[in-house]
């Protein structure tokens, strides 16, 4: 279901806001919580509300957005009681204001209770809910940070907040120090849980109502029940429901993940072999970056934010040109033969609309456009792009340094002329753990994709996975991009015309498309996407068995020419100077139903 929701509405704007009942017409209130039952007390004359500056709110949200509030485009403070969730980045938390209704007492923050040994047992209650104190979860998000300080800071100085040209309220600034912390505010003898958690009939459990209600409400914080992307897919993704709520820092931004759909974390390192410089990477930062961009037969409309680097805006196309493959790809504007602006695609809303971050401010309106797919485009056919999380990732750039968005103990990758490169990590047990600050469950690992540009590696090695298994068992793969380039160039060397065909799954069978004329860069781009996905899925324990009447085994692959992302190889035909490349670009339903993450 999530995949369909994403495909038809990856971004929720004003329509989604109204449909979810989070308009700005009436003020929201939070009732006090009974210390014994953890139910709210509906008869209390004292309540609290939450306010935030309207202009600080986003114009649209997705299911991954850290908070559920959107702007109504005023310059005033507005009530966000029923939609607010904590927002935190490595640069700090986004403040809100606590407004007390029905009392003149100054609110205070209830300090955190003693932090127990973590992770908790599956049946254990959230210790801070049990003690009714502000939380002090380890670190700052499920995947980053350290320390166990209070997850919020409350300023006792009151401030006057204008809510219209003629009205105002008095509030106290509350600043999150955590991606998903719980603040407990005391007013007189009453305690209030922020964000709103619990009702008069449903006790608080540490997961705010605004997020729980997105997935049916009354969730079990300790369970890991994700399936998907199809109904027969295996369970689970190794992340407990609470830790999915608390969220992650992904490439510098806070997200929350879907507790009903499996998520995969990836880390690209390019390049990493000794003796290779950043200028030689074929995946970013070098002279040529693959996949190479293609010209568009459509016109794009620039967002108003296009003149500001770092801003996010919506690009719309005059025809359907966008697909999932373009997520984390690039929009390039050209005028007079020069690039006049660039943007990285964050999310594809539909075939004519994308959300993108401006990486080079547009100096003028382009007269023509180019569009680049992601190197992970084929991976996105196994899991939707919003379920694949690229950690510390710079699209089109170099990503060689270790990072803080998972536990990274990488040391080196040493090439060999007689086999795969030798990988060295300082701590294989902790390396690649994506939930070090978890409240529940075992550790879960992500995948590391390493680009090796060493041309002395065996010519037969185009990619390599250190075994076949889940990310917890394997999880490191190599992509020999220079060898792939050399291999494809060699296959095409005798051609006067190059053609490309890919397969789609029609009526439960793979069907190859009519070959189309392309250039060498197009073929190399599709080959790199294919081999990237192949090695990634080997680390998801995808391993087709023997096939056909002859019971042939293709070494953890489908037979060449099947059309699947786990085909053993790219196939070609040559006739009268035309070489046709048959390159799979999709993972089939058999793959979606059998890959594992744990």
Protein backbone atom coordinates (compact mmCIF):
# COMPACT_ATOMS: atom_id res chain seq x y z
CA UNK A 1 0.00 0.00 0.00
CA UNK A 2 2.79 2.40 0.76
CA UNK A 3 4.22 2.03 -2.72
CA UNK A 4 0.89 2.99 -4.24
CA UNK A 5 0.48 5.93 -1.86
CA UNK A 6 3.95 7.14 -2.82
CA UNK A 7 3.33 6.76 -6.53
CA UNK A 8 0.16 8.81 -6.54
CA UNK A 9 1.14 11.35 -3.91
CA UNK A 10 4.70 11.38 -2.63
CA UNK A 11 4.12 14.90 -1.32
CA UNK A 12 1.11 15.87 0.77
CA UNK A 13 0.14 19.48 0.29
CA UNK A 14 -2.88 21.41 1.43
CA UNK A 15 -5.29 18.71 0.25
CA UNK A 16 -3.55 16.05 2.36
CA UNK A 17 -3.50 18.41 5.32
CA UNK A 18 -7.25 18.99 5.25
CA UNK A 19 -8.01 15.32 4.63
CA UNK A 20 -6.06 14.36 7.76
CA UNK A 21 -7.99 16.92 9.82
CA UNK A 22 -5.01 19.11 10.64
CA UNK A 23 -6.23 22.50 9.50
CA UNK A 24 -5.62 25.67 11.44
CA UNK A 25 -9.22 26.64 12.17
CA UNK A 26 -9.48 25.52 15.82
CA UNK A 27 -7.00 25.50 18.67
CA UNK A 28 -5.72 22.15 19.88
CA UNK A 29 -5.19 21.25 23.49
CA UNK A 30 -3.24 18.60 25.39
CA UNK A 31 -4.83 17.15 28.51
CA UNK A 32 -2.82 16.19 31.60
CA UNK A 33 -1.81 12.54 31.99
CA UNK A 34 -2.78 10.43 34.97
CA UNK A 35 0.50 9.20 36.56
CA UNK A 36 -0.96 5.77 37.33
CA UNK A 37 -3.02 4.82 34.27
CA UNK A 38 -1.16 6.97 31.70
CA UNK A 39 -4.59 7.98 30.36
CA UNK A 40 -5.39 11.63 29.82
CA UNK A 41 -7.76 13.40 32.22
CA UNK A 42 -10.64 14.90 30.22
CA UNK A 43 -12.15 16.82 33.15
CA UNK A 44 -9.09 19.00 33.73
CA UNK A 45 -9.64 22.77 33.43
CA UNK A 46 -5.92 23.18 32.75
CA UNK A 47 -4.51 22.24 29.36
CA UNK A 48 -1.53 23.20 27.21
CA UNK A 49 -1.24 24.08 23.53
CA UNK A 50 1.72 24.30 21.17
CA UNK A 51 2.52 27.19 18.84
CA UNK A 52 5.06 27.60 16.06
CA UNK A 53 5.90 30.40 13.63
CA UNK A 54 3.80 29.71 10.54
CA UNK A 55 6.49 30.87 8.13
CA UNK A 56 8.92 28.27 9.56
CA UNK A 57 6.64 25.42 8.49
CA UNK A 58 7.03 23.58 5.16
CA UNK A 59 4.57 24.02 2.29
CA UNK A 60 4.28 20.25 1.82
CA UNK A 61 5.02 17.05 3.71
CA UNK A 62 5.64 13.39 2.96
CA UNK A 63 5.20 10.31 5.13
CA UNK A 64 8.89 10.64 5.99
CA UNK A 65 8.62 14.26 7.14
CA UNK A 66 9.73 14.77 10.74
CA UNK A 67 6.62 16.79 11.63
CA UNK A 68 3.07 16.77 10.28
CA UNK A 69 2.44 20.53 10.10
CA UNK A 70 2.36 22.65 6.96
CA UNK A 71 2.28 26.41 6.55
CA UNK A 72 -0.86 28.44 6.00
CA UNK A 73 1.40 31.20 4.64
CA UNK A 74 1.01 33.85 7.33
CA UNK A 75 3.62 35.77 9.29
CA UNK A 76 2.06 34.87 12.64
CA UNK A 77 2.35 32.08 15.18
CA UNK A 78 -0.20 29.30 14.81
CA UNK A 79 -1.50 26.39 16.83
CA UNK A 80 0.36 23.15 15.95
CA UNK A 81 -0.80 21.06 18.92
CA UNK A 82 -2.33 18.28 16.83
CA UNK A 83 0.35 18.01 14.15
CA UNK A 84 3.70 18.81 15.78
CA UNK A 85 6.46 16.23 16.18
CA UNK A 86 10.05 16.98 17.27
CA UNK A 87 12.43 18.20 14.58
CA UNK A 88 16.19 17.90 15.01
CA UNK A 89 19.23 18.04 12.74
CA UNK A 90 22.94 17.98 13.60
CA UNK A 91 22.72 21.80 13.49
CA UNK A 92 20.12 21.79 16.28
CA UNK A 93 16.42 21.44 17.05
CA UNK A 94 13.51 23.52 15.76
CA UNK A 95 11.79 25.30 18.68
CA UNK A 96 8.10 25.59 19.46
CA UNK A 97 6.26 27.39 22.26
CA UNK A 98 4.24 25.91 25.11
CA UNK A 99 1.08 27.88 25.97
CA UNK A 100 -0.70 27.15 29.26
CA UNK A 101 -4.50 27.38 29.25
CA UNK A 102 -6.50 27.82 32.46
CA UNK A 103 -3.59 28.49 34.82
CA UNK A 104 -1.09 31.25 35.58
CA UNK A 105 1.57 28.78 36.75
CA UNK A 106 4.85 28.81 34.84
CA UNK A 107 5.48 25.42 33.19
CA UNK A 108 8.59 23.45 34.05
CA UNK A 109 10.34 20.50 32.43
CA UNK A 110 10.26 17.26 34.43
CA UNK A 111 13.87 15.92 34.30
CA UNK A 112 14.44 12.44 32.92
CA UNK A 113 14.28 9.34 35.05
CA UNK A 114 17.24 7.00 35.38
CA UNK A 115 18.14 5.48 32.02
CA UNK A 116 17.89 1.67 32.17
CA UNK A 117 20.06 -0.78 30.28
CA UNK A 118 19.16 -0.69 26.60
CA UNK A 119 17.82 -2.13 24.40
CA UNK A 120 14.71 -3.02 26.36
CA UNK A 121 13.07 -6.44 26.33
CA UNK A 122 10.14 -6.75 23.87
CA UNK A 123 7.62 -6.68 26.71
CA UNK A 124 9.14 -3.74 28.60
CA UNK A 125 7.28 -0.43 28.72
CA UNK A 126 8.97 2.80 27.77
CA UNK A 127 10.75 3.72 31.03
CA UNK A 128 10.14 7.45 30.65
CA UNK A 129 6.42 6.95 30.06
CA UNK A 130 6.32 4.66 33.10
CA UNK A 131 8.01 7.31 35.27
CA UNK A 132 6.18 10.16 33.49
CA UNK A 133 9.36 12.17 32.94
CA UNK A 134 11.05 13.79 29.99
CA UNK A 135 12.91 11.22 27.92
CA UNK A 136 16.66 10.84 27.62
CA UNK A 137 17.04 8.35 24.80
CA UNK A 138 20.60 7.40 23.84
CA UNK A 139 22.09 9.67 21.19
CA UNK A 140 19.95 12.07 19.21
CA UNK A 141 18.30 9.76 16.63
CA UNK A 142 18.08 6.02 16.08
CA UNK A 143 21.29 6.12 14.02
CA UNK A 144 23.33 9.11 15.24
CA UNK A 145 24.69 10.79 18.34
CA UNK A 146 25.64 9.87 21.88
CA UNK A 147 24.79 10.89 25.42
CA UNK A 148 21.67 10.59 27.58
CA UNK A 149 20.77 14.17 28.46
CA UNK A 150 17.18 15.49 28.61
CA UNK A 151 15.69 15.35 25.13
CA UNK A 152 14.22 18.87 25.47
CA UNK A 153 15.18 22.26 26.86
CA UNK A 154 12.43 24.56 28.22
CA UNK A 155 13.04 28.27 28.65
CA UNK A 156 11.22 29.70 31.69
CA UNK A 157 11.08 33.21 30.20
CA UNK A 158 7.68 33.98 28.72
CA UNK A 159 7.37 35.44 25.23
CA UNK A 160 4.43 37.14 23.54
CA UNK A 161 3.48 35.47 20.26
CA UNK A 162 1.38 37.35 17.71
CA UNK A 163 -1.34 35.05 16.32
CA UNK A 164 -3.03 37.69 14.15
CA UNK A 165 -2.76 41.47 13.66
CA UNK A 166 -4.85 41.95 16.83
CA UNK A 167 -4.35 38.80 18.96
CA UNK A 168 -1.51 37.09 20.79
CA UNK A 169 -0.69 34.39 23.31
CA UNK A 170 2.06 33.98 25.90
CA UNK A 171 4.35 31.00 25.46
CA UNK A 172 7.56 29.38 26.69
CA UNK A 173 10.18 28.18 24.21
CA UNK A 174 10.69 24.41 24.02
CA UNK A 175 13.63 23.14 21.97
CA UNK A 176 14.12 19.47 20.98
CA UNK A 177 17.52 17.89 21.55
CA UNK A 178 16.41 14.64 19.93
CA UNK A 179 14.66 13.41 16.76
CA UNK A 180 11.84 11.73 18.66
CA UNK A 181 12.01 12.66 22.31
CA UNK A 182 9.11 13.06 24.74
CA UNK A 183 8.81 16.20 26.85
CA UNK A 184 6.89 16.04 30.14
CA UNK A 185 5.80 19.51 31.25
CA UNK A 186 4.54 20.19 34.76
CA UNK A 187 2.01 22.92 35.52
CA UNK A 188 1.21 23.05 39.20
CA UNK A 189 0.56 19.43 40.15
CA UNK A 190 -0.34 18.32 36.62
CA UNK A 191 1.92 16.66 34.05
CA UNK A 192 1.51 16.87 30.27
CA UNK A 193 3.15 14.69 27.57
CA UNK A 194 4.40 16.51 24.49
CA UNK A 195 3.87 15.68 21.65
CA UNK A 196 0.30 14.58 22.38
CA UNK A 197 0.33 10.90 23.38
CA UNK A 198 -2.61 8.99 24.79
CA UNK A 199 -6.34 9.60 25.16
CA UNK A 200 -8.91 9.15 27.94
CA UNK A 201 -9.26 5.51 26.82
CA UNK A 202 -5.85 4.66 25.30
CA UNK A 203 -2.73 5.02 27.51
CA UNK A 204 0.42 6.77 26.33
CA UNK A 205 3.15 4.48 24.95
CA UNK A 206 5.92 6.87 23.87
CA UNK A 207 4.78 7.18 20.25
CA UNK A 208 2.81 10.38 19.56
CA UNK A 209 -0.76 10.09 18.31
CA UNK A 210 -0.06 12.21 15.21
CA UNK A 211 2.38 9.58 13.93
CA UNK A 212 0.57 6.47 15.18
CA UNK A 213 -2.61 7.54 13.43
CA UNK A 214 -0.82 7.52 10.06
CA UNK A 215 -0.54 3.75 10.44
CA UNK A 216 -3.81 2.79 12.13
CA UNK A 217 -3.13 3.94 15.70
CA UNK A 218 -2.33 2.04 18.92
CA UNK A 219 0.98 0.64 17.65
CA UNK A 220 3.20 -1.71 19.64
CA UNK A 221 6.52 0.16 20.07
CA UNK A 222 8.59 -3.03 20.34
CA UNK A 223 7.39 -4.91 17.27
CA UNK A 224 9.03 -5.18 13.86
CA UNK A 225 6.26 -6.23 11.47
CA UNK A 226 7.26 -4.59 8.18
CA UNK A 227 6.50 -6.46 5.01
CA UNK A 228 6.43 -5.23 1.40
CA UNK A 229 6.91 -4.19 -1.23
CA UNK A 230 4.35 -6.88 -2.18
CA UNK A 231 1.93 -8.93 -0.10
CA UNK A 232 4.06 -12.07 -0.23
CA UNK A 233 7.28 -10.31 0.79
CA UNK A 234 9.11 -11.63 3.81
CA UNK A 235 9.08 -9.86 7.18
CA UNK A 236 10.92 -7.68 8.53
CA UNK A 237 13.52 -4.86 8.30
CA UNK A 238 15.19 -5.17 11.72
CA UNK A 239 13.93 -1.84 13.08
CA UNK A 240 11.35 -1.73 15.88
CA UNK A 241 8.28 0.47 15.46
CA UNK A 242 9.39 2.99 18.10
CA UNK A 243 12.81 3.35 16.49
CA UNK A 244 11.16 3.92 13.10
CA UNK A 245 9.12 6.72 14.70
CA UNK A 246 12.16 8.24 16.39
CA UNK A 247 13.78 8.34 13.00
CA UNK A 248 17.11 8.75 11.30
CA UNK A 249 19.46 11.35 9.92
CA UNK A 250 19.86 10.54 6.22
CA UNK A 251 22.32 12.66 4.24
CA UNK A 252 22.01 15.37 6.88
CA UNK A 253 18.20 15.44 7.01
CA UNK A 254 15.80 13.97 9.56
CA UNK A 255 13.29 11.36 8.37
CA UNK A 256 10.83 8.96 9.97
CA UNK A 257 10.31 5.59 8.33
CA UNK A 258 7.18 3.53 7.66
CA UNK A 259 6.67 0.76 10.28
CA UNK A 260 4.58 -1.26 7.81
CA UNK A 261 7.09 -1.34 4.93
CA UNK A 262 10.66 -2.61 4.88
CA UNK A 263 13.48 -0.07 4.60
CA UNK A 264 17.04 -0.50 3.32
CA UNK A 265 19.99 1.74 4.21
CA UNK A 266 22.86 2.07 1.72
CA UNK A 267 26.20 3.83 1.84
CA UNK A 268 28.10 4.58 -1.39
CA UNK A 269 31.85 5.08 -1.19
CA UNK A 270 33.39 6.36 -4.42
CA UNK A 271 36.19 5.75 -5.08
CA UNK A 272 37.99 3.83 -2.33
CA UNK A 273 40.83 1.81 -3.90
CA UNK A 274 44.34 3.11 -3.10
CA UNK A 275 46.00 5.10 -5.84
CA UNK A 276 42.74 6.39 -7.30
CA UNK A 277 41.97 10.08 -7.07
CA UNK A 278 38.55 11.66 -6.82
CA UNK A 279 38.87 12.91 -10.42
CA UNK A 280 38.76 9.33 -11.71
CA UNK A 281 35.46 8.27 -10.11
CA UNK A 282 32.81 7.35 -12.65
CA UNK A 283 30.00 7.80 -10.09
CA UNK A 284 30.63 11.44 -9.23
CA UNK A 285 33.37 14.04 -8.97
CA UNK A 286 35.22 12.90 -12.11
CA UNK A 287 35.29 14.09 -15.71
CA UNK A 288 32.30 11.94 -16.65
CA UNK A 289 29.61 10.89 -14.18
CA UNK A 290 27.43 7.87 -14.87
CA UNK A 291 24.58 7.60 -15.46
CA UNK A 292 25.08 10.35 -18.03
CA UNK A 293 22.18 12.79 -18.56
CA UNK A 294 19.80 12.57 -21.52
CA UNK A 295 18.08 15.41 -23.34
CA UNK A 296 14.41 16.02 -22.59
CA UNK A 297 11.67 16.31 -25.16
CA UNK A 298 9.68 18.41 -22.71
CA UNK A 299 9.81 21.82 -21.07
CA UNK A 300 10.15 22.21 -17.31
CA UNK A 301 8.66 25.02 -15.25
CA UNK A 302 11.08 26.50 -12.72
CA UNK A 303 9.94 26.89 -9.10
CA UNK A 304 10.20 30.31 -7.51
CA UNK A 305 12.97 28.94 -5.29
CA UNK A 306 15.21 28.09 -8.27
CA UNK A 307 17.29 31.23 -7.80
CA UNK A 308 18.48 30.12 -4.35
CA UNK A 309 21.02 27.32 -3.92
CA UNK A 310 20.02 24.87 -1.20
CA UNK A 311 16.31 25.61 -1.45
CA UNK A 312 13.68 23.01 -2.33
CA UNK A 313 11.01 23.47 -4.97
CA UNK A 314 8.66 21.67 -7.33
CA UNK A 315 9.55 21.26 -11.01
CA UNK A 316 6.69 20.48 -13.39
CA UNK A 317 7.07 19.08 -16.90
CA UNK A 318 4.96 19.67 -20.02
CA UNK A 319 4.92 15.91 -20.63
CA UNK A 320 5.41 12.75 -18.58
CA UNK A 321 9.19 12.37 -18.26
CA UNK A 322 9.82 11.44 -14.62
CA UNK A 323 9.97 7.98 -13.03
CA UNK A 324 11.25 6.40 -9.82
CA UNK A 325 14.62 5.98 -11.57
CA UNK A 326 15.15 9.75 -11.38
CA UNK A 327 15.03 9.89 -7.56
CA UNK A 328 18.45 11.21 -6.45
CA UNK A 329 19.16 11.97 -10.10
CA UNK A 330 19.60 15.44 -11.51
CA UNK A 331 17.83 18.17 -13.46
CA UNK A 332 20.21 20.25 -15.60
CA UNK A 333 19.15 23.53 -17.24
CA UNK A 334 21.00 24.73 -20.34
CA UNK A 335 20.99 28.05 -22.21
CA UNK A 336 23.35 29.17 -24.94
CA UNK A 337 25.24 25.88 -24.69
CA UNK A 338 26.09 26.44 -21.00
CA UNK A 339 24.69 24.99 -17.80
CA UNK A 340 22.66 27.70 -16.05
CA UNK A 341 21.30 25.68 -13.12
CA UNK A 342 21.16 22.25 -11.47
CA UNK A 343 18.88 20.50 -9.00
CA UNK A 344 18.95 17.09 -7.29
CA UNK A 345 15.62 15.26 -7.39
CA UNK A 346 14.43 14.37 -3.89
CA UNK A 347 11.09 12.74 -4.68
CA UNK A 348 9.05 11.97 -7.79
CA UNK A 349 5.42 12.91 -7.16
CA UNK A 350 4.20 11.69 -10.56
CA UNK A 351 5.41 11.58 -14.17
CA UNK A 352 5.16 15.36 -14.57
CA UNK A 353 6.18 16.63 -11.13
CA UNK A 354 9.19 16.28 -8.82
CA UNK A 355 10.49 17.86 -5.64
CA UNK A 356 14.13 18.89 -6.04
CA UNK A 357 16.86 20.70 -4.16
CA UNK A 358 18.67 23.46 -6.02
CA UNK A 359 22.42 22.69 -6.15
CA UNK A 360 23.37 25.44 -8.63
CA UNK A 361 21.11 28.49 -8.60
CA UNK A 362 19.39 29.07 -11.94
CA UNK A 363 20.82 32.29 -13.37
CA UNK A 364 18.24 32.42 -16.19
CA UNK A 365 15.40 30.37 -17.60
CA UNK A 366 16.89 27.42 -19.53
CA UNK A 367 16.13 26.93 -23.20
CA UNK A 368 16.72 23.18 -23.02
CA UNK A 369 16.89 20.53 -20.32
CA UNK A 370 18.73 17.35 -19.42
CA UNK A 371 17.71 14.67 -16.93
CA UNK A 372 19.99 12.21 -15.13
CA UNK A 373 18.86 8.96 -13.52
CA UNK A 374 20.22 7.63 -10.23
CA UNK A 375 22.94 4.99 -10.20
CA UNK A 376 20.52 3.12 -7.91
CA UNK A 377 17.64 3.26 -10.41
CA UNK A 378 17.40 -0.53 -10.76
CA UNK A 379 17.50 -0.95 -6.97
CA UNK A 380 14.46 1.32 -6.85
CA UNK A 381 12.52 -1.33 -8.77
CA UNK A 382 13.01 -3.73 -5.84
CA UNK A 383 12.07 -1.20 -3.17
CA UNK A 384 10.44 2.19 -3.78
CA UNK A 385 12.90 5.10 -3.50
CA UNK A 386 11.36 6.33 -0.25
CA UNK A 387 12.27 2.97 1.32
CA UNK A 388 15.93 3.13 0.21
CA UNK A 389 18.00 5.49 2.34
CA UNK A 390 21.36 6.73 1.03
CA UNK A 391 23.44 7.65 4.06
CA UNK A 392 25.80 10.66 3.95
CA UNK A 393 25.26 10.76 0.20
CA UNK A 394 26.17 13.53 -2.24
CA UNK A 395 24.54 12.71 -5.61
CA UNK A 396 27.02 13.25 -8.41
CA UNK A 397 29.83 13.89 -5.91
CA UNK A 398 32.50 11.88 -4.14
CA UNK A 399 31.53 9.90 -1.05
CA UNK A 400 34.81 8.46 0.19
CA UNK A 401 35.10 9.55 3.81
CA UNK A 402 33.70 7.58 6.72
CA UNK A 403 30.50 9.02 8.14
CA UNK A 404 28.47 9.33 11.33
CA UNK A 405 25.10 8.15 9.97
CA UNK A 406 25.87 4.54 10.90
CA UNK A 407 28.60 2.84 12.92
CA UNK A 408 31.44 2.97 10.40
CA UNK A 409 34.64 1.03 11.10
CA UNK A 410 35.87 0.83 7.49
CA UNK A 411 39.69 0.80 7.22
CA UNK A 412 40.69 -0.03 3.65
CA UNK A 413 39.98 -1.83 0.39
CA UNK A 414 43.16 -3.24 -1.17
CA UNK A 415 42.95 -4.32 -4.85
CA UNK A 416 44.29 -7.64 -6.09
CA UNK A 417 45.25 -8.82 -9.56
CA UNK A 418 44.19 -12.38 -8.84
CA UNK A 419 40.78 -11.94 -7.19
CA UNK A 420 38.50 -9.51 -5.39
CA UNK A 421 39.96 -6.69 -3.34
CA UNK A 422 40.71 -7.32 0.32
CA UNK A 423 38.38 -5.50 2.68
CA UNK A 424 39.54 -4.42 6.13
CA UNK A 425 37.22 -3.15 8.88
CA UNK A 426 38.20 -2.45 12.47
CA UNK A 427 35.15 -4.07 14.06
CA UNK A 428 33.09 -6.41 11.90
CA UNK A 429 30.50 -6.85 14.65
CA UNK A 430 29.62 -3.16 14.94
CA UNK A 431 30.44 -2.04 11.39
CA UNK A 432 27.44 -0.75 9.38
CA UNK A 433 24.98 -0.84 12.31
CA UNK A 434 22.15 1.59 11.50
CA UNK A 435 20.29 1.48 14.84
CA UNK A 436 22.99 1.84 17.52
CA UNK A 437 20.64 3.99 19.66
CA UNK A 438 17.69 1.61 19.43
CA UNK A 439 15.19 1.27 22.24
CA UNK A 440 14.12 -2.24 21.20
CA UNK A 441 15.39 -5.21 19.24
CA UNK A 442 18.72 -6.49 17.91
CA UNK A 443 21.25 -4.50 15.86
CA UNK A 444 20.45 -4.07 12.17
CA UNK A 445 23.00 -3.37 9.44
CA UNK A 446 22.97 -1.55 6.13
CA UNK A 447 24.89 -2.14 2.88
CA UNK A 448 28.17 -0.58 1.80
CA UNK A 449 28.71 -0.15 -1.97
CA UNK A 450 32.35 0.57 -2.83
CA UNK A 451 33.53 1.83 -6.19
CA UNK A 452 36.95 0.48 -7.17
CA UNK A 453 38.71 2.21 -10.05
CA UNK A 454 41.76 -0.02 -10.08
CA UNK A 455 42.20 -1.11 -13.72
CA UNK A 456 44.66 -3.84 -12.65
CA UNK A 457 41.84 -5.88 -11.09
CA UNK A 458 40.92 -9.07 -12.96
CA UNK A 459 39.12 -8.14 -16.18
CA UNK A 460 36.46 -10.74 -15.43
CA UNK A 461 35.40 -8.97 -12.22
CA UNK A 462 32.71 -6.35 -12.87
CA UNK A 463 31.34 -6.48 -9.33
CA UNK A 464 31.76 -8.49 -6.19
CA UNK A 465 29.69 -9.30 -3.10
CA UNK A 466 31.48 -10.79 -0.10
CA UNK A 467 29.09 -13.72 -0.02
CA UNK A 468 25.35 -14.05 -0.51
CA UNK A 469 23.18 -13.30 2.50
CA UNK A 470 21.36 -10.56 4.38
CA UNK A 471 23.01 -7.22 5.25
CA UNK A 472 23.60 -8.59 8.74
CA UNK A 473 25.58 -11.52 7.33
CA UNK A 474 27.31 -9.95 4.30
CA UNK A 475 26.68 -6.30 3.45
CA UNK A 476 29.81 -5.16 1.56
CA UNK A 477 29.96 -5.07 -2.24
CA UNK A 478 32.41 -3.74 -4.83
CA UNK A 479 31.59 -2.12 -8.14
CA UNK A 480 34.48 -2.15 -10.63
CA UNK A 481 33.31 0.78 -12.71
CA UNK A 482 36.41 1.16 -14.87
CA UNK A 483 36.31 -2.54 -15.71
CA UNK A 484 32.61 -2.22 -16.61
CA UNK A 485 33.45 0.73 -18.87
CA UNK A 486 36.26 -1.22 -20.53
CA UNK A 487 34.05 -4.30 -20.94
CA UNK A 488 31.14 -2.44 -22.56
CA UNK A 489 33.47 -0.41 -24.76
CA UNK A 490 35.05 -3.64 -25.97
CA UNK A 491 31.68 -5.20 -26.81
CA UNK A 492 30.71 -2.07 -28.76
CA UNK A 493 34.05 -1.56 -30.52
CA UNK A 494 33.01 -3.17 -33.81
CA UNK A 495 29.62 -1.49 -34.03
CA UNK A 496 28.54 1.27 -36.36
CA UNK A 497 25.16 1.39 -34.57
CA UNK A 498 24.33 0.67 -30.93
CA UNK A 499 20.88 -0.39 -29.78
CA UNK A 500 19.40 -1.00 -26.35
CA UNK A 501 16.59 -3.21 -25.12
CA UNK A 502 15.30 -3.84 -21.61
CA UNK A 503 12.65 -6.15 -20.22
CA UNK A 504 9.35 -5.55 -18.46
CA UNK A 505 7.15 -8.02 -16.62
CA UNK A 506 3.98 -8.48 -18.69
CA UNK A 507 1.35 -11.16 -18.00
CA UNK A 508 3.69 -12.94 -15.57
CA UNK A 509 6.50 -13.14 -18.14
CA UNK A 510 9.52 -11.04 -19.02
CA UNK A 511 9.15 -9.27 -22.38
CA UNK A 512 12.02 -7.48 -24.10
CA UNK A 513 11.36 -4.05 -25.57
CA UNK A 514 11.88 -3.12 -29.20
CA UNK A 515 15.56 -2.12 -29.45
CA UNK A 516 16.21 1.61 -29.82
CA UNK A 517 19.28 3.42 -31.14
CA UNK A 518 21.44 4.92 -28.38
CA UNK A 519 25.02 6.06 -27.81
CA UNK A 520 27.85 4.39 -25.87
CA UNK A 521 27.36 6.53 -22.75
CA UNK A 522 23.74 5.39 -22.54
CA UNK A 523 24.79 1.73 -22.68
CA UNK A 524 27.53 2.22 -20.05
CA UNK A 525 25.04 4.03 -17.80
CA UNK A 526 22.53 1.19 -17.96
CA UNK A 527 25.29 -1.39 -17.42
CA UNK A 528 26.52 0.37 -14.27
CA UNK A 529 22.96 0.55 -12.93
CA UNK A 530 22.50 -3.18 -13.66
CA UNK A 531 25.71 -4.31 -11.96
CA UNK A 532 25.09 -1.98 -9.00
CA UNK A 533 21.69 -3.59 -8.40
CA UNK A 534 23.06 -7.10 -8.95
CA UNK A 535 25.65 -6.75 -6.19
CA UNK A 536 23.21 -5.00 -3.85
CA UNK A 537 20.63 -7.78 -4.14
CA UNK A 538 23.26 -10.44 -3.48
CA UNK A 539 23.57 -8.77 -0.08
CA UNK A 540 19.82 -9.14 0.34
CA UNK A 541 20.19 -12.91 0.06
CA UNK A 542 18.59 -13.04 -3.39
CA UNK A 543 19.80 -16.27 -4.91
CA UNK A 544 17.69 -17.92 -7.63
CA UNK A 545 17.98 -21.71 -7.67
CA UNK A 546 18.32 -24.19 -10.49
CA UNK A 547 16.21 -23.38 -13.55
CA UNK A 548 14.70 -25.05 -16.60
CA UNK A 549 14.26 -28.63 -17.62
CA UNK A 550 18.03 -29.16 -17.51
CA UNK A 551 18.12 -28.01 -13.88
CA UNK A 552 20.86 -25.52 -14.64
CA UNK A 553 22.38 -23.41 -11.88
CA UNK A 554 23.68 -19.94 -12.77
CA UNK A 555 25.54 -19.24 -9.56
CA UNK A 556 23.01 -17.20 -7.54
CA UNK A 557 21.56 -15.65 -10.73
CA UNK A 558 18.76 -15.99 -13.21
CA UNK A 559 19.82 -17.28 -16.62
CA UNK A 560 21.36 -14.68 -18.97
CA UNK A 561 18.66 -13.10 -21.09
CA UNK A 562 15.83 -13.73 -18.60
CA UNK A 563 15.29 -9.99 -18.15
CA UNK A 564 15.60 -9.77 -14.36
CA UNK A 565 17.96 -7.61 -12.27
CA UNK A 566 19.59 -10.81 -11.02
CA UNK A 567 20.38 -12.13 -14.51
CA UNK A 568 23.84 -13.64 -14.68
CA UNK A 569 25.01 -11.24 -17.38
CA UNK A 570 24.16 -8.65 -19.99
CA UNK A 571 23.60 -10.26 -23.39
CA UNK A 572 24.28 -8.88 -26.87
CA UNK A 573 23.61 -9.65 -30.49
CA UNK A 574 25.59 -8.40 -33.47
CA UNK A 575 24.39 -8.13 -37.05
CA UNK A 576 25.48 -5.98 -40.00
CA UNK A 577 27.39 -3.53 -37.84
CA UNK A 578 24.60 -3.19 -35.26
CA UNK A 579 25.28 -4.41 -31.72
CA UNK A 580 22.19 -4.68 -29.52
CA UNK A 581 22.60 -4.75 -25.74
CA UNK A 582 19.93 -6.51 -23.67
CA UNK A 583 20.25 -5.01 -20.18
CA UNK A 584 17.72 -5.73 -17.39
CA UNK A 585 16.50 -2.67 -15.53
CA UNK A 586 13.85 -4.13 -13.22
CA UNK A 587 13.66 -6.60 -10.36
CA UNK A 588 10.74 -9.00 -10.68
CA UNK A 589 8.03 -10.01 -8.26
CA UNK A 590 9.99 -13.16 -7.41
CA UNK A 591 12.80 -10.92 -6.19
CA UNK A 592 10.42 -8.64 -4.27
CA UNK A 593 8.89 -11.63 -2.54
CA UNK A 594 12.10 -13.36 -1.42
CA UNK A 595 14.77 -10.80 -0.50
CA UNK A 596 15.69 -10.53 3.18
CA UNK A 597 17.08 -7.72 5.31
CA UNK A 598 17.81 -9.54 8.58
